[in-house]
All heavy atoms as atom14 arrays in JSON, in Angstrom:
{
  "sequence": "AARIDHLPEGKGLLGAIIDDPRPVRLAEISSDARSSGFPANHPPMT",
  "atom14_mask": [
    [1, 1, 1, 1, 1, 0, 0, 0, 0, 0, 0, 0, 0, 0],
    [1, 1, 1, 1, 1, 0, 0, 0, 0, 0, 0, 0, 0, 0],
    [1, 1, 1, 1, 1, 1, 1, 1, 1, 1, 1, 0, 0, 0],
    [1, 1, 1, 1, 1, 1, 1, 1, 0, 0, 0, 0, 0, 0],
    [1, 1, 1, 1, 1, 1, 1, 1, 0, 0, 0, 0, 0, 0],
    [1, 1, 1, 1, 1, 1, 1, 1, 1, 1, 0, 0, 0, 0],
    [1, 1, 1, 1, 1, 1, 1, 1, 0, 0, 0, 0, 0, 0],
    [1, 1, 1, 1, 1, 1, 1, 0, 0, 0, 0, 0, 0, 0],
    [1, 1, 1, 1, 1, 1, 1, 1, 1, 0, 0, 0, 0, 0],
    [1, 1, 1, 1, 0, 0, 0, 0, 0, 0, 0, 0, 0, 0],
    [1, 1, 1, 1, 1, 1, 1, 1, 1, 0, 0, 0, 0, 0],
    [1, 1, 1, 1, 0, 0, 0, 0, 0, 0, 0, 0, 0, 0],
    [1, 1, 1, 1, 1, 1, 1, 1, 0, 0, 0, 0, 0, 0],
    [1, 1, 1, 1, 1, 1, 1, 1, 0, 0, 0, 0, 0, 0],
    [1, 1, 1, 1, 0, 0, 0, 0, 0, 0, 0, 0, 0, 0],
    [1, 1, 1, 1, 1, 0, 0, 0, 0, 0, 0, 0, 0, 0],
    [1, 1, 1, 1, 1, 1, 1, 1, 0, 0, 0, 0, 0, 0],
    [1, 1, 1, 1, 1, 1, 1, 1, 0, 0, 0, 0, 0, 0],
    [1, 1, 1, 1, 1, 1, 1, 1, 0, 0, 0, 0, 0, 0],
    [1, 1, 1, 1, 1, 1, 1, 1, 0, 0, 0, 0, 0, 0],
    [1, 1, 1, 1, 1, 1, 1, 0, 0, 0, 0, 0, 0, 0],
    [1, 1, 1, 1, 1, 1, 1, 1, 1, 1, 1, 0, 0, 0],
    [1, 1, 1, 1, 1, 1, 1, 0, 0, 0, 0, 0, 0, 0],
    [1, 1, 1, 1, 1, 1, 1, 0, 0, 0, 0, 0, 0, 0],
    [1, 1, 1, 1, 1, 1, 1, 1, 1, 1, 1, 0, 0, 0],
    [1, 1, 1, 1, 1, 1, 1, 1, 0, 0, 0, 0, 0, 0],
    [1, 1, 1, 1, 1, 0, 0, 0, 0, 0, 0, 0, 0, 0],
    [1, 1, 1, 1, 1, 1, 1, 1, 1, 0, 0, 0, 0, 0],
    [1, 1, 1, 1, 1, 1, 1, 1, 0, 0, 0, 0, 0, 0],
    [1, 1, 1, 1, 1, 1, 0, 0, 0, 0, 0, 0, 0, 0],
    [1, 1, 1, 1, 1, 1, 0, 0, 0, 0, 0, 0, 0, 0],
    [1, 1, 1, 1, 1, 1, 1, 1, 0, 0, 0, 0, 0, 0],
    [1, 1, 1, 1, 1, 0, 0, 0, 0, 0, 0, 0, 0, 0],
    [1, 1, 1, 1, 1, 1, 1, 1, 1, 1, 1, 0, 0, 0],
    [1, 1, 1, 1, 1, 1, 0, 0, 0, 0, 0, 0, 0, 0],
    [1, 1, 1, 1, 1, 1, 0, 0, 0, 0, 0, 0, 0, 0],
    [1, 1, 1, 1, 0, 0, 0, 0, 0, 0, 0, 0, 0, 0],
    [1, 1, 1, 1, 1, 1, 1, 1, 1, 1, 1, 0, 0, 0],
    [1, 1, 1, 1, 1, 1, 1, 0, 0, 0, 0, 0, 0, 0],
    [1, 1, 1, 1, 1, 0, 0, 0, 0, 0, 0, 0, 0, 0],
    [1, 1, 1, 1, 1, 1, 1, 1, 0, 0, 0, 0, 0, 0],
    [1, 1, 1, 1, 1, 1, 1, 1, 1, 1, 0, 0, 0, 0],
    [1, 1, 1, 1, 1, 1, 1, 0, 0, 0, 0, 0, 0, 0],
    [1, 1, 1, 1, 1, 1, 1, 0, 0, 0, 0, 0, 0, 0],
    [1, 1, 1, 1, 1, 1, 1, 1, 0, 0, 0, 0, 0, 0],
    [1, 1, 1, 1, 1, 1, 1, 0, 0, 0, 0, 0, 0, 0]
  ],
  "atom14_positions": [
    [[6.37, 39.8, 3.97], [5.02, 40.26, 4.33], [4.05, 40.07, 3.17], [2.88, 39.73, 3.38], [5.08, 41.73, 4.74], [0.0, 0.0, 0.0], [0.0, 0.0, 0.0], [0.0, 0.0, 0.0], [0.0, 0.0, 0.0], [0.0, 0.0, 0.0], [0.0, 0.0, 0.0], [0.0, 0.0, 0.0], [0.0, 0.0, 0.0], [0.0, 0.0, 0.0]],
    [[4.52, 40.27, 1.95], [3.65, 40.15, 0.78], [3.19, 38.72, 0.54], [2.13, 38.49, -0.04], [4.36, 40.68, -0.47], [0.0, 0.0, 0.0], [0.0, 0.0, 0.0], [0.0, 0.0, 0.0], [0.0, 0.0, 0.0], [0.0, 0.0, 0.0], [0.0, 0.0, 0.0], [0.0, 0.0, 0.0], [0.0, 0.0, 0.0], [0.0, 0.0, 0.0]],
    [[3.98, 37.74, 1.01], [3.63, 36.34, 0.77], [2.66, 35.77, 1.81], [2.1, 34.69, 1.62], [4.9, 35.48, 0.75], [5.77, 35.69, -0.49], [6.8, 34.59, -0.62], [7.75, 34.6, 0.47], [8.88, 35.3, 0.5], [9.18, 36.09, -0.52], [9.7, 35.25, 1.53], [0.0, 0.0, 0.0], [0.0, 0.0, 0.0], [0.0, 0.0, 0.0]],
    [[2.45, 36.51, 2.9], [1.53, 36.03, 3.94], [0.1, 36.11, 3.42], [-0.29, 37.1, 2.8], [1.7, 36.86, 5.23], [3.11, 36.67, 5.78], [0.66, 36.46, 6.27], [3.42, 37.54, 6.98], [0.0, 0.0, 0.0], [0.0, 0.0, 0.0], [0.0, 0.0, 0.0], [0.0, 0.0, 0.0], [0.0, 0.0, 0.0], [0.0, 0.0, 0.0]],
    [[-0.67, 35.07, 3.69], [-2.05, 35.01, 3.18], [-2.86, 36.23, 3.58], [-3.57, 36.83, 2.78], [-2.75, 33.74, 3.7], [-2.24, 32.5, 2.97], [-1.48, 32.66, 2.0], [-2.6, 31.39, 3.38], [0.0, 0.0, 0.0], [0.0, 0.0, 0.0], [0.0, 0.0, 0.0], [0.0, 0.0, 0.0], [0.0, 0.0, 0.0], [0.0, 0.0, 0.0]],
    [[-2.8, 36.61, 4.85], [-3.54, 37.78, 5.31], [-2.93, 38.26, 6.62], [-2.36, 37.48, 7.39], [-5.03, 37.45, 5.51], [-5.27, 36.37, 6.53], [-5.31, 36.62, 7.89], [-5.44, 35.03, 6.39], [-5.51, 35.49, 8.54], [-5.6, 34.51, 7.65], [0.0, 0.0, 0.0], [0.0, 0.0, 0.0], [0.0, 0.0, 0.0], [0.0, 0.0, 0.0]],
    [[-3.06, 39.56, 6.88], [-2.58, 40.11, 8.13], [-3.54, 39.72, 9.26], [-4.71, 39.42, 9.01], [-2.47, 41.64, 8.04], [-1.37, 42.17, 7.12], [-1.45, 43.68, 7.0], [0.01, 41.76, 7.63], [0.0, 0.0, 0.0], [0.0, 0.0, 0.0], [0.0, 0.0, 0.0], [0.0, 0.0, 0.0], [0.0, 0.0, 0.0], [0.0, 0.0, 0.0]],
    [[-3.08, 39.72, 10.51], [-3.97, 39.36, 11.63], [-5.22, 40.23, 11.67], [-5.17, 41.42, 11.36], [-3.08, 39.61, 12.86], [-1.69, 39.42, 12.35], [-1.69, 39.96, 10.96], [0.0, 0.0, 0.0], [0.0, 0.0, 0.0], [0.0, 0.0, 0.0], [0.0, 0.0, 0.0], [0.0, 0.0, 0.0], [0.0, 0.0, 0.0], [0.0, 0.0, 0.0]],
    [[-6.31, 39.62, 12.07], [-7.59, 40.31, 12.14], [-8.09, 40.47, 13.57], [-9.19, 40.97, 13.8], [-8.63, 39.54, 11.32], [-8.26, 39.42, 9.84], [-9.13, 38.42, 9.1], [-9.81, 37.6, 9.77], [-9.16, 38.47, 7.86], [0.0, 0.0, 0.0], [0.0, 0.0, 0.0], [0.0, 0.0, 0.0], [0.0, 0.0, 0.0], [0.0, 0.0, 0.0]],
    [[-7.28, 40.03, 14.53], [-7.69, 40.17, 15.92], [-8.34, 38.92, 16.47], [-9.25, 38.99, 17.29], [0.0, 0.0, 0.0], [0.0, 0.0, 0.0], [0.0, 0.0, 0.0], [0.0, 0.0, 0.0], [0.0, 0.0, 0.0], [0.0, 0.0, 0.0], [0.0, 0.0, 0.0], [0.0, 0.0, 0.0], [0.0, 0.0, 0.0], [0.0, 0.0, 0.0]],
    [[-7.87, 37.76, 16.03], [-8.4, 36.48, 16.53], [-7.29, 35.77, 17.31], [-6.17, 36.23, 17.4], [-8.89, 35.63, 15.36], [-10.0, 36.31, 14.54], [-10.4, 35.47, 13.34], [-11.47, 36.18, 12.51], [-11.84, 35.41, 11.29], [0.0, 0.0, 0.0], [0.0, 0.0, 0.0], [0.0, 0.0, 0.0], [0.0, 0.0, 0.0], [0.0, 0.0, 0.0]],
    [[-7.63, 34.61, 17.87], [-6.63, 33.84, 18.59], [-6.07, 34.61, 19.77], [-6.79, 35.24, 20.54], [0.0, 0.0, 0.0], [0.0, 0.0, 0.0], [0.0, 0.0, 0.0], [0.0, 0.0, 0.0], [0.0, 0.0, 0.0], [0.0, 0.0, 0.0], [0.0, 0.0, 0.0], [0.0, 0.0, 0.0], [0.0, 0.0, 0.0], [0.0, 0.0, 0.0]],
    [[-4.75, 34.55, 19.93], [-4.08, 35.22, 21.05], [-4.3, 36.73, 20.99], [-4.55, 37.37, 22.02], [-2.58, 34.89, 21.04], [-1.73, 35.55, 22.11], [-2.21, 35.16, 23.5], [-0.26, 35.14, 21.92], [0.0, 0.0, 0.0], [0.0, 0.0, 0.0], [0.0, 0.0, 0.0], [0.0, 0.0, 0.0], [0.0, 0.0, 0.0], [0.0, 0.0, 0.0]],
    [[-4.19, 37.3, 19.81], [-4.39, 38.75, 19.68], [-5.82, 39.13, 20.07], [-6.05, 40.16, 20.7], [-4.09, 39.21, 18.25], [-2.7, 38.9, 17.69], [-2.46, 39.68, 16.41], [-1.61, 39.21, 18.71], [0.0, 0.0, 0.0], [0.0, 0.0, 0.0], [0.0, 0.0, 0.0], [0.0, 0.0, 0.0], [0.0, 0.0, 0.0], [0.0, 0.0, 0.0]],
    [[-6.76, 38.31, 19.68], [-8.15, 38.57, 20.03], [-8.38, 38.46, 21.53], [-9.17, 39.21, 22.11], [0.0, 0.0, 0.0], [0.0, 0.0, 0.0], [0.0, 0.0, 0.0], [0.0, 0.0, 0.0], [0.0, 0.0, 0.0], [0.0, 0.0, 0.0], [0.0, 0.0, 0.0], [0.0, 0.0, 0.0], [0.0, 0.0, 0.0], [0.0, 0.0, 0.0]],
    [[-7.69, 37.51, 22.17], [-7.83, 37.34, 23.62], [-7.35, 38.58, 24.36], [-7.96, 38.99, 25.36], [-7.04, 36.11, 24.07], [0.0, 0.0, 0.0], [0.0, 0.0, 0.0], [0.0, 0.0, 0.0], [0.0, 0.0, 0.0], [0.0, 0.0, 0.0], [0.0, 0.0, 0.0], [0.0, 0.0, 0.0], [0.0, 0.0, 0.0], [0.0, 0.0, 0.0]],
    [[-6.28, 39.19, 23.87], [-5.77, 40.41, 24.51], [-6.73, 41.57, 24.28], [-6.89, 42.45, 25.14], [-4.36, 40.75, 23.98], [-3.4, 39.61, 24.34], [-3.86, 42.06, 24.56], [-2.03, 39.77, 23.74], [0.0, 0.0, 0.0], [0.0, 0.0, 0.0], [0.0, 0.0, 0.0], [0.0, 0.0, 0.0], [0.0, 0.0, 0.0], [0.0, 0.0, 0.0]],
    [[-7.37, 41.6, 23.12], [-8.37, 42.64, 22.85], [-9.55, 42.49, 23.82], [-10.04, 43.47, 24.4], [-8.86, 42.56, 21.39], [-7.73, 42.93, 20.44], [-10.07, 43.48, 21.17], [-8.04, 42.67, 18.97], [0.0, 0.0, 0.0], [0.0, 0.0, 0.0], [0.0, 0.0, 0.0], [0.0, 0.0, 0.0], [0.0, 0.0, 0.0], [0.0, 0.0, 0.0]],
    [[-10.01, 41.24, 24.0], [-11.16, 41.0, 24.87], [-10.83, 41.2, 26.35], [-11.7, 41.58, 27.13], [-11.68, 39.57, 24.65], [-12.24, 39.37, 23.24], [-12.67, 40.38, 22.63], [-12.21, 38.23, 22.74], [0.0, 0.0, 0.0], [0.0, 0.0, 0.0], [0.0, 0.0, 0.0], [0.0, 0.0, 0.0], [0.0, 0.0, 0.0], [0.0, 0.0, 0.0]],
    [[-9.6, 40.93, 26.72], [-9.16, 41.09, 28.11], [-7.86, 41.88, 28.1], [-6.76, 41.31, 28.11], [-8.94, 39.71, 28.75], [-8.58, 39.82, 30.23], [-8.74, 40.91, 30.81], [-8.14, 38.8, 30.8], [0.0, 0.0, 0.0], [0.0, 0.0, 0.0], [0.0, 0.0, 0.0], [0.0, 0.0, 0.0], [0.0, 0.0, 0.0], [0.0, 0.0, 0.0]],
    [[-7.96, 43.23, 28.01], [-6.78, 44.07, 27.77], [-5.84, 44.17, 28.97], [-5.83, 45.15, 29.71], [-7.39, 45.42, 27.41], [-8.72, 45.44, 28.08], [-9.2, 44.02, 28.08], [0.0, 0.0, 0.0], [0.0, 0.0, 0.0], [0.0, 0.0, 0.0], [0.0, 0.0, 0.0], [0.0, 0.0, 0.0], [0.0, 0.0, 0.0], [0.0, 0.0, 0.0]],
    [[-5.03, 43.12, 29.14], [-3.99, 43.11, 30.15], [-2.69, 42.64, 29.5], [-2.72, 41.91, 28.51], [-4.36, 42.17, 31.3], [-5.53, 42.67, 32.16], [-5.81, 41.73, 33.31], [-6.3, 40.44, 32.85], [-6.54, 39.41, 33.66], [-6.31, 39.52, 34.95], [-7.01, 38.28, 33.17], [0.0, 0.0, 0.0], [0.0, 0.0, 0.0], [0.0, 0.0, 0.0]],
    [[-1.55, 43.05, 30.06], [-0.27, 42.61, 29.48], [-0.14, 41.1, 29.47], [-0.57, 40.41, 30.4], [0.78, 43.25, 30.41], [0.08, 44.41, 31.04], [-1.35, 43.98, 31.18], [0.0, 0.0, 0.0], [0.0, 0.0, 0.0], [0.0, 0.0, 0.0], [0.0, 0.0, 0.0], [0.0, 0.0, 0.0], [0.0, 0.0, 0.0], [0.0, 0.0, 0.0]],
    [[0.44, 40.58, 28.39], [0.71, 39.15, 28.27], [2.16, 38.97, 27.87], [2.64, 39.62, 26.93], [-0.21, 38.5, 27.21], [0.21, 37.05, 26.97], [-1.67, 38.56, 27.66], [0.0, 0.0, 0.0], [0.0, 0.0, 0.0], [0.0, 0.0, 0.0], [0.0, 0.0, 0.0], [0.0, 0.0, 0.0], [0.0, 0.0, 0.0], [0.0, 0.0, 0.0]],
    [[2.87, 38.08, 28.58], [4.26, 37.78, 28.25], [4.4, 36.26, 28.17], [4.05, 35.56, 29.11], [5.22, 38.37, 29.29], [6.68, 38.0, 29.08], [7.57, 38.89, 29.94], [7.23, 38.84, 31.34], [7.77, 38.02, 32.24], [8.71, 37.15, 31.85], [7.41, 38.06, 33.51], [0.0, 0.0, 0.0], [0.0, 0.0, 0.0], [0.0, 0.0, 0.0]],
    [[4.93, 35.78, 27.04], [5.06, 34.35, 26.83], [6.48, 34.0, 26.37], [7.06, 34.73, 25.56], [4.08, 33.87, 25.76], [2.58, 34.12, 25.99], [1.79, 33.8, 24.73], [2.09, 33.29, 27.17], [0.0, 0.0, 0.0], [0.0, 0.0, 0.0], [0.0, 0.0, 0.0], [0.0, 0.0, 0.0], [0.0, 0.0, 0.0], [0.0, 0.0, 0.0]],
    [[7.0, 32.91, 26.89], [8.3, 32.41, 26.41], [8.13, 31.7, 25.07], [9.04, 31.69, 24.24], [8.91, 31.47, 27.44], [0.0, 0.0, 0.0], [0.0, 0.0, 0.0], [0.0, 0.0, 0.0], [0.0, 0.0, 0.0], [0.0, 0.0, 0.0], [0.0, 0.0, 0.0], [0.0, 0.0, 0.0], [0.0, 0.0, 0.0], [0.0, 0.0, 0.0]],
    [[6.95, 31.12, 24.86], [6.67, 30.37, 23.62], [5.21, 30.58, 23.24], [4.3, 30.15, 23.96], [6.96, 28.89, 23.83], [6.65, 28.02, 22.63], [7.52, 28.36, 21.42], [8.75, 28.37, 21.55], [6.93, 28.64, 20.36], [0.0, 0.0, 0.0], [0.0, 0.0, 0.0], [0.0, 0.0, 0.0], [0.0, 0.0, 0.0], [0.0, 0.0, 0.0]],
    [[4.98, 31.24, 22.12], [3.62, 31.55, 21.69], [2.78, 30.29, 21.54], [1.63, 30.23, 21.98], [3.64, 32.34, 20.35], [4.31, 33.7, 20.54], [2.23, 32.51, 19.81], [4.53, 34.46, 19.25], [0.0, 0.0, 0.0], [0.0, 0.0, 0.0], [0.0, 0.0, 0.0], [0.0, 0.0, 0.0], [0.0, 0.0, 0.0], [0.0, 0.0, 0.0]],
    [[3.36, 29.26, 20.94], [2.59, 28.05, 20.63], [2.15, 27.3, 21.87], [1.24, 26.46, 21.82], [3.4, 27.12, 19.73], [4.59, 26.71, 20.38], [0.0, 0.0, 0.0], [0.0, 0.0, 0.0], [0.0, 0.0, 0.0], [0.0, 0.0, 0.0], [0.0, 0.0, 0.0], [0.0, 0.0, 0.0], [0.0, 0.0, 0.0], [0.0, 0.0, 0.0]],
    [[2.77, 27.6, 23.03], [2.41, 26.9, 24.26], [1.14, 27.46, 24.89], [0.59, 26.84, 25.8], [3.56, 26.99, 25.27], [3.73, 28.33, 25.71], [0.0, 0.0, 0.0], [0.0, 0.0, 0.0], [0.0, 0.0, 0.0], [0.0, 0.0, 0.0], [0.0, 0.0, 0.0], [0.0, 0.0, 0.0], [0.0, 0.0, 0.0], [0.0, 0.0, 0.0]],
    [[0.68, 28.61, 24.43], [-0.51, 29.23, 25.01], [-1.76, 28.69, 24.32], [-1.84, 28.65, 23.08], [-0.43, 30.76, 24.85], [-1.48, 31.47, 25.69], [-2.64, 31.54, 25.23], [-1.14, 31.96, 26.77], [0.0, 0.0, 0.0], [0.0, 0.0, 0.0], [0.0, 0.0, 0.0], [0.0, 0.0, 0.0], [0.0, 0.0, 0.0], [0.0, 0.0, 0.0]],
    [[-2.73, 28.31, 25.12], [-3.96, 27.7, 24.57], [-4.73, 28.66, 23.68], [-5.51, 28.23, 22.82], [-4.85, 27.23, 25.71], [0.0, 0.0, 0.0], [0.0, 0.0, 0.0], [0.0, 0.0, 0.0], [0.0, 0.0, 0.0], [0.0, 0.0, 0.0], [0.0, 0.0, 0.0], [0.0, 0.0, 0.0], [0.0, 0.0, 0.0], [0.0, 0.0, 0.0]],
    [[-4.52, 29.96, 23.87], [-5.25, 30.95, 23.07], [-4.65, 31.14, 21.68], [-5.27, 31.76, 20.82], [-5.27, 32.29, 23.81], [-6.02, 32.25, 25.13], [-5.74, 33.49, 25.96], [-4.34, 33.57, 26.38], [-3.85, 34.52, 27.16], [-4.65, 35.48, 27.62], [-2.56, 34.54, 27.5], [0.0, 0.0, 0.0], [0.0, 0.0, 0.0], [0.0, 0.0, 0.0]],
    [[-3.46, 30.63, 21.46], [-2.8, 30.8, 20.17], [-3.47, 29.93, 19.11], [-3.73, 28.75, 19.33], [-1.32, 30.43, 20.28], [-0.7, 30.5, 19.01], [0.0, 0.0, 0.0], [0.0, 0.0, 0.0], [0.0, 0.0, 0.0], [0.0, 0.0, 0.0], [0.0, 0.0, 0.0], [0.0, 0.0, 0.0], [0.0, 0.0, 0.0], [0.0, 0.0, 0.0]],
    [[-3.74, 30.54, 17.95], [-4.37, 29.8, 16.85], [-3.4, 29.55, 15.71], [-3.8, 29.19, 14.61], [-5.6, 30.56, 16.34], [-5.22, 31.87, 15.92], [0.0, 0.0, 0.0], [0.0, 0.0, 0.0], [0.0, 0.0, 0.0], [0.0, 0.0, 0.0], [0.0, 0.0, 0.0], [0.0, 0.0, 0.0], [0.0, 0.0, 0.0], [0.0, 0.0, 0.0]],
    [[-2.1, 29.74, 15.98], [-1.11, 29.51, 14.94], [-0.96, 30.69, 14.01], [-1.58, 31.74, 14.19], [0.0, 0.0, 0.0], [0.0, 0.0, 0.0], [0.0, 0.0, 0.0], [0.0, 0.0, 0.0], [0.0, 0.0, 0.0], [0.0, 0.0, 0.0], [0.0, 0.0, 0.0], [0.0, 0.0, 0.0], [0.0, 0.0, 0.0], [0.0, 0.0, 0.0]],
    [[-0.13, 30.52, 13.0], [0.16, 31.59, 12.05], [-0.38, 31.23, 10.67], [-0.46, 30.05, 10.31], [1.67, 31.82, 11.96], [2.29, 32.29, 13.23], [3.06, 31.43, 14.0], [2.09, 33.59, 13.68], [3.64, 31.85, 15.19], [2.67, 34.02, 14.88], [3.44, 33.16, 15.63], [0.0, 0.0, 0.0], [0.0, 0.0, 0.0], [0.0, 0.0, 0.0]],
    [[-0.73, 32.26, 9.88], [-1.18, 31.98, 8.5], [-0.01, 31.46, 7.66], [1.16, 31.54, 8.07], [-1.67, 33.34, 8.01], [-0.97, 34.35, 8.87], [-0.81, 33.69, 10.21], [0.0, 0.0, 0.0], [0.0, 0.0, 0.0], [0.0, 0.0, 0.0], [0.0, 0.0, 0.0], [0.0, 0.0, 0.0], [0.0, 0.0, 0.0], [0.0, 0.0, 0.0]],
    [[-0.35, 30.93, 6.49], [0.68, 30.4, 5.58], [1.71, 31.47, 5.24], [1.38, 32.65, 5.1], [0.01, 29.9, 4.3], [0.0, 0.0, 0.0], [0.0, 0.0, 0.0], [0.0, 0.0, 0.0], [0.0, 0.0, 0.0], [0.0, 0.0, 0.0], [0.0, 0.0, 0.0], [0.0, 0.0, 0.0], [0.0, 0.0, 0.0], [0.0, 0.0, 0.0]],
    [[2.97, 31.05, 5.17], [4.11, 31.89, 4.79], [4.51, 32.91, 5.86], [5.34, 33.78, 5.61], [3.84, 32.64, 3.47], [3.55, 31.7, 2.33], [4.26, 30.72, 2.13], [2.5, 31.98, 1.57], [0.0, 0.0, 0.0], [0.0, 0.0, 0.0], [0.0, 0.0, 0.0], [0.0, 0.0, 0.0], [0.0, 0.0, 0.0], [0.0, 0.0, 0.0]],
    [[3.92, 32.8, 7.05], [4.28, 33.7, 8.15], [5.6, 33.22, 8.76], [5.79, 32.01, 8.97], [3.18, 33.69, 9.2], [3.25, 34.83, 10.17], [4.21, 34.93, 11.14], [2.45, 35.93, 10.31], [4.02, 36.03, 11.85], [2.96, 36.65, 11.36], [0.0, 0.0, 0.0], [0.0, 0.0, 0.0], [0.0, 0.0, 0.0], [0.0, 0.0, 0.0]],
    [[6.55, 34.13, 9.06], [7.8, 33.68, 9.67], [7.55, 33.11, 11.07], [6.63, 33.55, 11.76], [8.64, 34.97, 9.74], [7.65, 36.08, 9.69], [6.52, 35.59, 8.84], [0.0, 0.0, 0.0], [0.0, 0.0, 0.0], [0.0, 0.0, 0.0], [0.0, 0.0, 0.0], [0.0, 0.0, 0.0], [0.0, 0.0, 0.0], [0.0, 0.0, 0.0]],
    [[8.33, 32.12, 11.49], [8.15, 31.55, 12.83], [8.47, 32.59, 13.9], [9.37, 33.41, 13.75], [9.14, 30.39, 12.86], [10.17, 30.74, 11.83], [9.44, 31.48, 10.76], [0.0, 0.0, 0.0], [0.0, 0.0, 0.0], [0.0, 0.0, 0.0], [0.0, 0.0, 0.0], [0.0, 0.0, 0.0], [0.0, 0.0, 0.0], [0.0, 0.0, 0.0]],
    [[7.69, 32.57, 14.99], [7.9, 33.49, 16.11], [7.76, 32.69, 17.4], [6.91, 31.8, 17.49], [6.89, 34.63, 16.07], [7.04, 35.54, 14.87], [5.82, 36.9, 14.85], [6.33, 37.75, 13.34], [0.0, 0.0, 0.0], [0.0, 0.0, 0.0], [0.0, 0.0, 0.0], [0.0, 0.0, 0.0], [0.0, 0.0, 0.0], [0.0, 0.0, 0.0]],
    [[8.57, 33.05, 18.39], [8.55, 32.29, 19.65], [8.07, 33.16, 20.81], [6.9, 33.13, 21.17], [9.94, 31.72, 19.94], [10.92, 32.77, 19.89], [10.31, 30.65, 18.91], [0.0, 0.0, 0.0], [0.0, 0.0, 0.0], [0.0, 0.0, 0.0], [0.0, 0.0, 0.0], [0.0, 0.0, 0.0], [0.0, 0.0, 0.0], [0.0, 0.0, 0.0]]
  ]
}
């Protein structure tokens, strides 16, 4: 956690859920158009 450039600020996929507060379930995060990727040194997540 200390090596990650910055914690999420509510943009990308997280921001989309904030703007439209409904449950979201994804098999692969990167496949969603709203995903903006992860900051440097962030562990991979699916």
